[in-house]
PDB file of N, CA and C in Angstrom:
ATOM      1  N   MET A   1       1.028  -1.242   0.121  1.00  0.00           N
ATOM      2  CA  MET A   1      -0.236   0.094   0.132  1.00  0.00           C
ATOM      3  C   MET A   1       0.626   0.863   0.181  1.00  0.00           C
ATOM      4  N   SER A   2       0.552   1.894  -0.475  1.00  0.00           N
ATOM      5  CA  SER A   2       1.225   3.610  -0.532  1.00  0.00           C
ATOM      6  C   SER A   2       1.128   4.537   0.288  1.00  0.00           C
ATOM      7  N   GLN A   3       2.008   4.589   0.708  1.00  0.00           N
ATOM      8  CA  GLN A   3       1.961   5.753   2.159  1.00  0.00           C
ATOM      9  C   GLN A   3       2.697   6.752   2.045  1.00  0.00           C
ATOM     10  N   PRO A   4       1.649   8.461   2.831  1.00  0.00           N
ATOM     11  CA  PRO A   4       2.315   9.096   2.643  1.00  0.00           C
ATOM     12  C   PRO A   4       3.863   9.488   2.532  1.00  0.00           C
ATOM     13  N   ALA A   5       4.056  11.117   2.253  1.00  0.00           N
ATOM     14  CA  ALA A   5       5.643  11.021   2.175  1.00  0.00           C
ATOM     15  C   ALA A   5       5.692  11.281   3.447  1.00  0.00           C
ATOM     16  N   ILE A   6       6.802  11.582   4.271  1.00  0.00           N
ATOM     17  CA  ILE A   6       7.376  11.473   6.070  1.00  0.00           C
ATOM     18  C   ILE A   6       7.638  13.192   5.844  1.00  0.00           C
ATOM     19  N   ARG A   7       8.036  13.587   6.831  1.00  0.00           N
ATOM     20  CA  ARG A   7       8.956  14.564   7.228  1.00  0.00           C
ATOM     21  C   ARG A   7      10.869  14.202   6.573  1.00  0.00           C
ATOM     22  N   SER A   8      10.949  14.825   5.992  1.00  0.00           N
ATOM     23  CA  SER A   8      12.464  14.804   5.660  1.00  0.00           C
ATOM     24  C   SER A   8      12.949  15.905   5.594  1.00  0.00           C
ATOM     25  N   ARG A   9      14.671  15.490   5.054  1.00  0.00           N
ATOM     26  CA  ARG A   9      15.254  17.109   4.990  1.00  0.00           C
ATOM     27  C   ARG A   9      16.849  16.519   4.418  1.00  0.00           C
ATOM     28  N   VAL A  10      17.318  17.279   3.751  1.00  0.00           N
ATOM     29  CA  VAL A  10      18.331  17.142   3.352  1.00  0.00           C
ATOM     30  C   VAL A  10      19.251  18.745   3.211  1.00  0.00           C
ATOM     31  N   ALA A  11      20.869  18.256   3.178  1.00  0.00           N
ATOM     32  CA  ALA A  11      21.455  19.629   3.817  1.00  0.00           C
ATOM     33  C   ALA A  11      22.704  19.250   2.799  1.00  0.00           C
ATOM     34  N   VAL A  12      22.634  20.502   2.370  1.00  0.00           N
ATOM     35  CA  VAL A  12      24.162  20.711   1.138  1.00  0.00           C
ATOM     36  C   VAL A  12      24.964  22.354   1.674  1.00  0.00           C
ATOM     37  N   GLY A  13      26.108  22.116   3.017  1.00  0.00           N
ATOM     38  CA  GLY A  13      27.093  22.968   2.492  1.00  0.00           C
ATOM     39  C   GLY A  13      26.037  23.513   4.378  1.00  0.00           C
ATOM     40  N   ASP A  14      25.679  24.847   4.079  1.00  0.00           N
ATOM     41  CA  ASP A  14      25.130  25.407   5.139  1.00  0.00           C
ATOM     42  C   ASP A  14      23.632  25.575   4.869  1.00  0.00           C
ATOM     43  N   THR A  15      23.166  25.027   3.669  1.00  0.00           N
ATOM     44  CA  THR A  15      21.851  25.488   3.092  1.00  0.00           C
ATOM     45  C   THR A  15      20.995  23.687   3.558  1.00  0.00           C
ATOM     46  N   SER A  16      19.970  23.981   4.030  1.00  0.00           N
ATOM     47  CA  SER A  16      18.980  22.705   4.286  1.00  0.00           C
ATOM     48  C   SER A  16      17.522  23.230   4.030  1.00  0.00           C
ATOM     49  N   ILE A  17      16.833  22.136   3.234  1.00  0.00           N
ATOM     50  CA  ILE A  17      15.497  22.097   2.819  1.00  0.00           C
ATOM     51  C   ILE A  17      14.297  20.638   3.160  1.00  0.00           C
ATOM     52  N   ALA A  18      13.590  21.244   4.504  1.00  0.00           N
ATOM     53  CA  ALA A  18      12.938  20.288   5.070  1.00  0.00           C
ATOM     54  C   ALA A  18      11.422  20.143   4.269  1.00  0.00           C
ATOM     55  N   PHE A  19      11.260  18.866   3.794  1.00  0.00           N
ATOM     56  CA  PHE A  19       9.813  18.473   3.582  1.00  0.00           C
ATOM     57  C   PHE A  19       8.812  18.561   4.755  1.00  0.00           C
ATOM     58  N   LEU A  20       7.721  19.521   4.839  1.00  0.00           N
ATOM     59  CA  LEU A  20       6.617  19.055   6.033  1.00  0.00           C
ATOM     60  C   LEU A  20       5.530  18.994   5.611  1.00  0.00           C
ATOM     61  N   PRO A  21       5.183  17.625   5.581  1.00  0.00           N
ATOM     62  CA  PRO A  21       3.984  17.224   5.170  1.00  0.00           C
ATOM     63  C   PRO A  21       2.420  17.730   6.354  1.00  0.00           C
ATOM     64  N   ASP A  22       1.726  17.924   5.241  1.00  0.00           N
ATOM     65  CA  ASP A  22       0.648  18.730   6.042  1.00  0.00           C
ATOM     66  C   ASP A  22      -0.743  17.198   5.806  1.00  0.00           C
ATOM     67  N   GLY A  23      -0.874  16.345   4.869  1.00  0.00           N
ATOM     68  CA  GLY A  23      -1.547  15.146   4.750  1.00  0.00           C
ATOM     69  C   GLY A  23      -1.455  14.867   3.425  1.00  0.00           C
ATOM     70  N   SER A  24      -2.578  14.470   2.995  1.00  0.00           N
ATOM     71  CA  SER A  24      -2.323  13.261   2.278  1.00  0.00           C
ATOM     72  C   SER A  24      -3.464  12.750   1.190  1.00  0.00           C
ATOM     73  N   GLY A  25      -3.853  12.269   0.108  1.00  0.00           N
ATOM     74  CA  GLY A  25      -5.119  11.857  -0.710  1.00  0.00           C
ATOM     75  C   GLY A  25      -4.927  11.308  -1.668  1.00  0.00           C
ATOM     76  N   ALA A  26      -6.034  10.172  -2.038  1.00  0.00           N
ATOM     77  CA  ALA A  26      -6.071   9.241  -3.682  1.00  0.00           C
ATOM     78  C   ALA A  26      -6.401  10.193  -4.212  1.00  0.00           C
ATOM     79  N   HIS A  27      -6.079   9.616  -5.384  1.00  0.00           N
ATOM     80  CA  HIS A  27      -7.000  10.904  -6.578  1.00  0.00           C
ATOM     81  C   HIS A  27      -6.974  10.176  -7.773  1.00  0.00           C
ATOM     82  N   ASN A  28      -7.590  10.411  -8.667  1.00  0.00           N
ATOM     83  CA  ASN A  28      -8.016  10.107 -10.151  1.00  0.00           C
ATOM     84  C   ASN A  28      -6.626  10.177 -10.937  1.00  0.00           C
ATOM     85  N   PRO A  29      -6.275   9.504 -10.974  1.00  0.00           N
ATOM     86  CA  PRO A  29      -5.116   9.972 -12.382  1.00  0.00           C
ATOM     87  C   PRO A  29      -4.976  10.502 -13.352  1.00  0.00           C
ATOM     88  N   ASP A  30      -6.441  10.557 -14.257  1.00  0.00           N
ATOM     89  CA  ASP A  30      -6.978  11.039 -15.215  1.00  0.00           C
ATOM     90  C   ASP A  30      -6.980  12.230 -15.920  1.00  0.00           C
ATOM     91  N   VAL A  31      -8.006  12.660 -14.538  1.00  0.00           N
ATOM     92  CA  VAL A  31      -8.215  13.789 -13.909  1.00  0.00           C
ATOM     93  C   VAL A  31      -6.737  14.657 -14.099  1.00  0.00           C
ATOM     94  N   LEU A  32      -5.625  14.386 -13.256  1.00  0.00           N
ATOM     95  CA  LEU A  32      -4.476  15.433 -13.011  1.00  0.00           C
ATOM     96  C   LEU A  32      -3.791  15.149 -14.030  1.00  0.00           C
ATOM     97  N   PHE A  33      -3.766  14.140 -15.008  1.00  0.00           N
ATOM     98  CA  PHE A  33      -2.655  13.280 -15.937  1.00  0.00           C
ATOM     99  C   PHE A  33      -3.155  12.491 -16.958  1.00  0.00           C
ATOM    100  N   PRO A  34      -4.469  13.814 -17.826  1.00  0.00           N
ATOM    101  CA  PRO A  34      -4.569  13.121 -18.762  1.00  0.00           C
ATOM    102  C   PRO A  34      -3.795  12.455 -19.908  1.00  0.00           C
ATOM    103  N   GLY A  35      -4.378  11.324 -20.526  1.00  0.00           N
ATOM    104  CA  GLY A  35      -3.970  10.792 -21.435  1.00  0.00           C
ATOM    105  C   GLY A  35      -2.289   9.969 -21.462  1.00  0.00           C
ATOM    106  N   VAL A  36      -2.144   9.709 -20.007  1.00  0.00           N
ATOM    107  CA  VAL A  36      -1.048   8.642 -19.487  1.00  0.00           C
ATOM    108  C   VAL A  36      -1.756   7.628 -19.501  1.00  0.00           C
ATOM    109  N   ASP A  37      -1.026   6.728 -20.201  1.00  0.00           N
ATOM    110  CA  ASP A  37      -0.471   5.250 -20.340  1.00  0.00           C
ATOM    111  C   ASP A  37      -0.338   4.964 -18.639  1.00  0.00           C
ATOM    112  N   TRP A  38      -1.182   4.473 -18.025  1.00  0.00           N
ATOM    113  CA  TRP A  38      -0.521   4.191 -16.522  1.00  0.00           C
ATOM    114  C   TRP A  38      -0.359   2.684 -16.585  1.00  0.00           C
ATOM    115  N   THR A  39      -0.906   1.833 -17.472  1.00  0.00           N
ATOM    116  CA  THR A  39       0.063   0.578 -17.498  1.00  0.00           C
ATOM    117  C   THR A  39       1.400   0.352 -17.708  1.00  0.00           C
ATOM    118  N   THR A  40       2.136   1.564 -18.254  1.00  0.00           N
ATOM    119  CA  THR A  40       3.393   1.656 -18.593  1.00  0.00           C
ATOM    120  C   THR A  40       4.326   1.911 -17.335  1.00  0.00           C
ATOM    121  N   ARG A  41       3.218   2.336 -15.959  1.00  0.00           N
ATOM    122  CA  ARG A  41       3.932   2.615 -15.183  1.00  0.00           C
ATOM    123  C   ARG A  41       3.590   1.868 -13.772  1.00  0.00           C
ATOM    124  N   PRO A  42       4.143   0.572 -13.293  1.00  0.00           N
ATOM    125  CA  PRO A  42       3.662  -0.203 -12.751  1.00  0.00           C
ATOM    126  C   PRO A  42       4.185   0.623 -11.265  1.00  0.00           C
ATOM    127  N   GLY A  43       3.102  -0.075  -9.996  1.00  0.00           N
ATOM    128  CA  GLY A  43       3.389   0.925  -8.743  1.00  0.00           C
ATOM    129  C   GLY A  43       3.233   1.763  -8.529  1.00  0.00           C
ATOM    130  N   TYR A  44       2.673   2.783  -9.622  1.00  0.00           N
ATOM    131  CA  TYR A  44       2.005   4.141  -8.687  1.00  0.00           C
ATOM    132  C   TYR A  44       0.888   4.181  -8.860  1.00  0.00           C
ATOM    133  N   LEU A  45       0.355   3.335  -9.084  1.00  0.00           N
ATOM    134  CA  LEU A  45      -1.636   3.382  -8.322  1.00  0.00           C
ATOM    135  C   LEU A  45      -1.702   2.358  -7.612  1.00  0.00           C
ATOM    136  N   GLU A  46      -2.631   2.782  -6.745  1.00  0.00           N
ATOM    137  CA  GLU A  46      -2.854   2.113  -6.196  1.00  0.00           C
ATOM    138  C   GLU A  46      -4.586   1.834  -6.063  1.00  0.00           C
ATOM    139  N   ASP A  47      -4.808   0.314  -6.410  1.00  0.00           N
ATOM    140  CA  ASP A  47      -6.645   0.629  -6.605  1.00  0.00           C
ATOM    141  C   ASP A  47      -6.933   1.650  -7.836  1.00  0.00           C
ATOM    142  N   GLY A  48      -5.728   1.987  -8.457  1.00  0.00           N
ATOM    143  CA  GLY A  48      -6.470   2.686  -9.529  1.00  0.00           C
ATOM    144  C   GLY A  48      -6.532   4.400  -9.207  1.00  0.00           C
ATOM    145  N   GLN A  49      -5.915   4.552  -8.199  1.00  0.00           N
ATOM    146  CA  GLN A  49      -5.900   5.912  -7.629  1.00  0.00           C
ATOM    147  C   GLN A  49      -4.590   6.092  -7.185  1.00  0.00           C
ATOM    148  N   LEU A  50      -4.094   7.518  -7.488  1.00  0.00           N
ATOM    149  CA  LEU A  50      -2.809   8.240  -7.489  1.00  0.00           C
ATOM    150  C   LEU A  50      -2.480   8.735  -5.923  1.00  0.00           C
ATOM    151  N   VAL A  51      -1.989   8.347  -5.252  1.00  0.00           N
ATOM    152  CA  VAL A  51      -1.631   8.606  -3.757  1.00  0.00           C
ATOM    153  C   VAL A  51      -0.704   9.680  -3.566  1.00  0.00           C
ATOM    154  N   LEU A  52      -0.824  11.006  -3.332  1.00  0.00           N
ATOM    155  CA  LEU A  52       0.152  12.116  -3.127  1.00  0.00           C
ATOM    156  C   LEU A  52      -0.241  12.863  -1.942  1.00  0.00           C
ATOM    157  N   SER A  53       0.775  13.170  -1.359  1.00  0.00           N
ATOM    158  CA  SER A  53       1.770  13.880  -0.403  1.00  0.00           C
ATOM    159  C   SER A  53       1.058  15.444  -0.504  1.00  0.00           C
ATOM    160  N   PHE A  54       0.793  16.282   0.594  1.00  0.00           N
ATOM    161  CA  PHE A  54       1.127  17.633   0.766  1.00  0.00           C
ATOM    162  C   PHE A  54       1.592  18.562   1.690  1.00  0.00           C
ATOM    163  N   GLY A  55       1.794  19.029   1.418  1.00  0.00           N
ATOM    164  CA  GLY A  55       2.717  19.917   2.484  1.00  0.00           C
ATOM    165  C   GLY A  55       3.888  21.078   2.116  1.00  0.00           C
ATOM    166  N   SER A  56       4.614  21.355   2.823  1.00  0.00           N
ATOM    167  CA  SER A  56       5.518  22.836   2.439  1.00  0.00           C
ATOM    168  C   SER A  56       6.774  22.237   2.177  1.00  0.00           C
ATOM    169  N   PHE A  57       7.938  23.400   1.919  1.00  0.00           N
ATOM    170  CA  PHE A  57       9.350  23.062   2.161  1.00  0.00           C
ATOM    171  C   PHE A  57       9.693  24.429   3.258  1.00  0.00           C
ATOM    172  N   LEU A  58      10.467  23.643   4.148  1.00  0.00           N
ATOM    173  CA  LEU A  58      11.386  25.003   4.725  1.00  0.00           C
ATOM    174  C   LEU A  58      12.729  25.158   4.000  1.00  0.00           C
ATOM    175  N   ILE A  59      13.370  26.255   4.030  1.00  0.00           N
ATOM    176  CA  ILE A  59      14.390  26.355   3.007  1.00  0.00           C
ATOM    177  C   ILE A  59      15.385  26.823   4.752  1.00  0.00           C
ATOM    178  N   ARG A  60      16.359  26.916   4.498  1.00  0.00           N
ATOM    179  CA  ARG A  60      17.602  27.444   5.876  1.00  0.00           C
ATOM    180  C   ARG A  60      18.647  27.897   5.203  1.00  0.00           C
ATOM    181  N   ALA A  61      18.672  29.084   4.506  1.00  0.00           N
ATOM    182  CA  ALA A  61      20.049  29.358   4.116  1.00  0.00           C
ATOM    183  C   ALA A  61      20.373  30.515   4.661  1.00  0.00           C
ATOM    184  N   GLY A  62      21.805  30.798   4.647  1.00  0.00           N
ATOM    185  CA  GLY A  62      22.388  32.019   4.766  1.00  0.00           C
ATOM    186  C   GLY A  62      21.222  33.044   5.917  1.00  0.00           C
ATOM    187  N   GLY A  63      21.062  32.243   7.377  1.00  0.00           N
ATOM    188  CA  GLY A  63      20.449  32.718   8.194  1.00  0.00           C
ATOM    189  C   GLY A  63      19.453  32.882   8.500  1.00  0.00           C
ATOM    190  N   ARG A  64      18.403  32.780   7.139  1.00  0.00           N
ATOM    191  CA  ARG A  64      17.229  33.399   6.718  1.00  0.00           C
ATOM    192  C   ARG A  64      16.500  31.531   6.329  1.00  0.00           C
ATOM    193  N   LYS A  65      15.154  31.513   6.760  1.00  0.00           N
ATOM    194  CA  LYS A  65      14.429  30.755   6.848  1.00  0.00           C
ATOM    195  C   LYS A  65      13.275  31.260   5.843  1.00  0.00           C
ATOM    196  N   ILE A  66      13.197  30.200   5.188  1.00  0.00           N
ATOM    197  CA  ILE A  66      12.096  30.570   3.664  1.00  0.00           C
ATOM    198  C   ILE A  66      11.348  29.570   3.555  1.00  0.00           C
ATOM    199  N   LEU A  67       9.979  29.691   3.956  1.00  0.00           N
ATOM    200  CA  LEU A  67       8.843  28.713   3.745  1.00  0.00           C
ATOM    201  C   LEU A  67       7.838  28.813   2.419  1.00  0.00           C
ATOM    202  N   VAL A  68       7.935  27.669   1.713  1.00  0.00           N
ATOM    203  CA  VAL A  68       7.251  27.590   0.325  1.00  0.00           C
ATOM    204  C   VAL A  68       5.842  26.487   0.532  1.00  0.00           C
ATOM    205  N   ASP A  69       4.757  27.065   0.476  1.00  0.00           N
ATOM    206  CA  ASP A  69       3.401  26.894   0.624  1.00  0.00           C
ATOM    207  C   ASP A  69       3.242  26.059  -0.556  1.00  0.00           C
ATOM    208  N   LEU A  70       3.357  24.725  -0.738  1.00  0.00           N
ATOM    209  CA  LEU A  70       2.945  24.156  -2.214  1.00  0.00           C
ATOM    210  C   LEU A  70       1.192  24.420  -2.713  1.00  0.00           C
ATOM    211  N   VAL A  71       0.775  24.845  -1.833  1.00  0.00           N
ATOM    212  CA  VAL A  71      -0.501  25.244  -2.363  1.00  0.00           C
ATOM    213  C   VAL A  71      -1.389  24.261  -2.790  1.00  0.00           C
ATOM    214  N   VAL A  72      -2.963  23.178  -2.149  1.00  0.00           N
ATOM    215  CA  VAL A  72      -3.353  22.363  -2.504  1.00  0.00           C
ATOM    216  C   VAL A  72      -5.082  23.340  -2.631  1.00  0.00           C
ATOM    217  N   GLY A  73      -5.485  22.955  -4.021  1.00  0.00           N
ATOM    218  CA  GLY A  73      -7.027  23.954  -3.881  1.00  0.00           C
ATOM    219  C   GLY A  73      -6.575  25.467  -5.110  1.00  0.00           C
ATOM    220  N   ALA A  74      -8.127  25.960  -4.521  1.00  0.00           N
ATOM    221  CA  ALA A  74      -7.806  27.521  -5.114  1.00  0.00           C
ATOM    222  C   ALA A  74      -7.736  28.514  -4.589  1.00  0.00           C
ATOM    223  N   THR A  75      -7.139  29.290  -5.385  1.00  0.00           N
ATOM    224  CA  THR A  75      -6.053  30.265  -4.307  1.00  0.00           C
ATOM    225  C   THR A  75      -7.061  31.281  -4.593  1.00  0.00           C
ATOM    226  N   PRO A  76      -7.485  32.648  -4.438  1.00  0.00           N
ATOM    227  CA  PRO A  76      -8.278  33.565  -4.218  1.00  0.00           C
ATOM    228  C   PRO A  76      -7.343  34.397  -5.452  1.00  0.00           C
TER     229      PRO A  76
END
């Protein structure tokens, strides 16, 4: 069974990027990626659904912290 992404971090020198998950969901792959032949991509679908994780990235570099929200859904 597919699992949502977990919190993770990668660092290069003094710069680090952390993924901060805040949810996941199963979606119809044909709506998100129309025309893709999923039979050529075994293991990507679970019961015909594509499991995606949602979250943000926290970037720490040069004494600064930058939060990048990936925004899922309608924006104003």
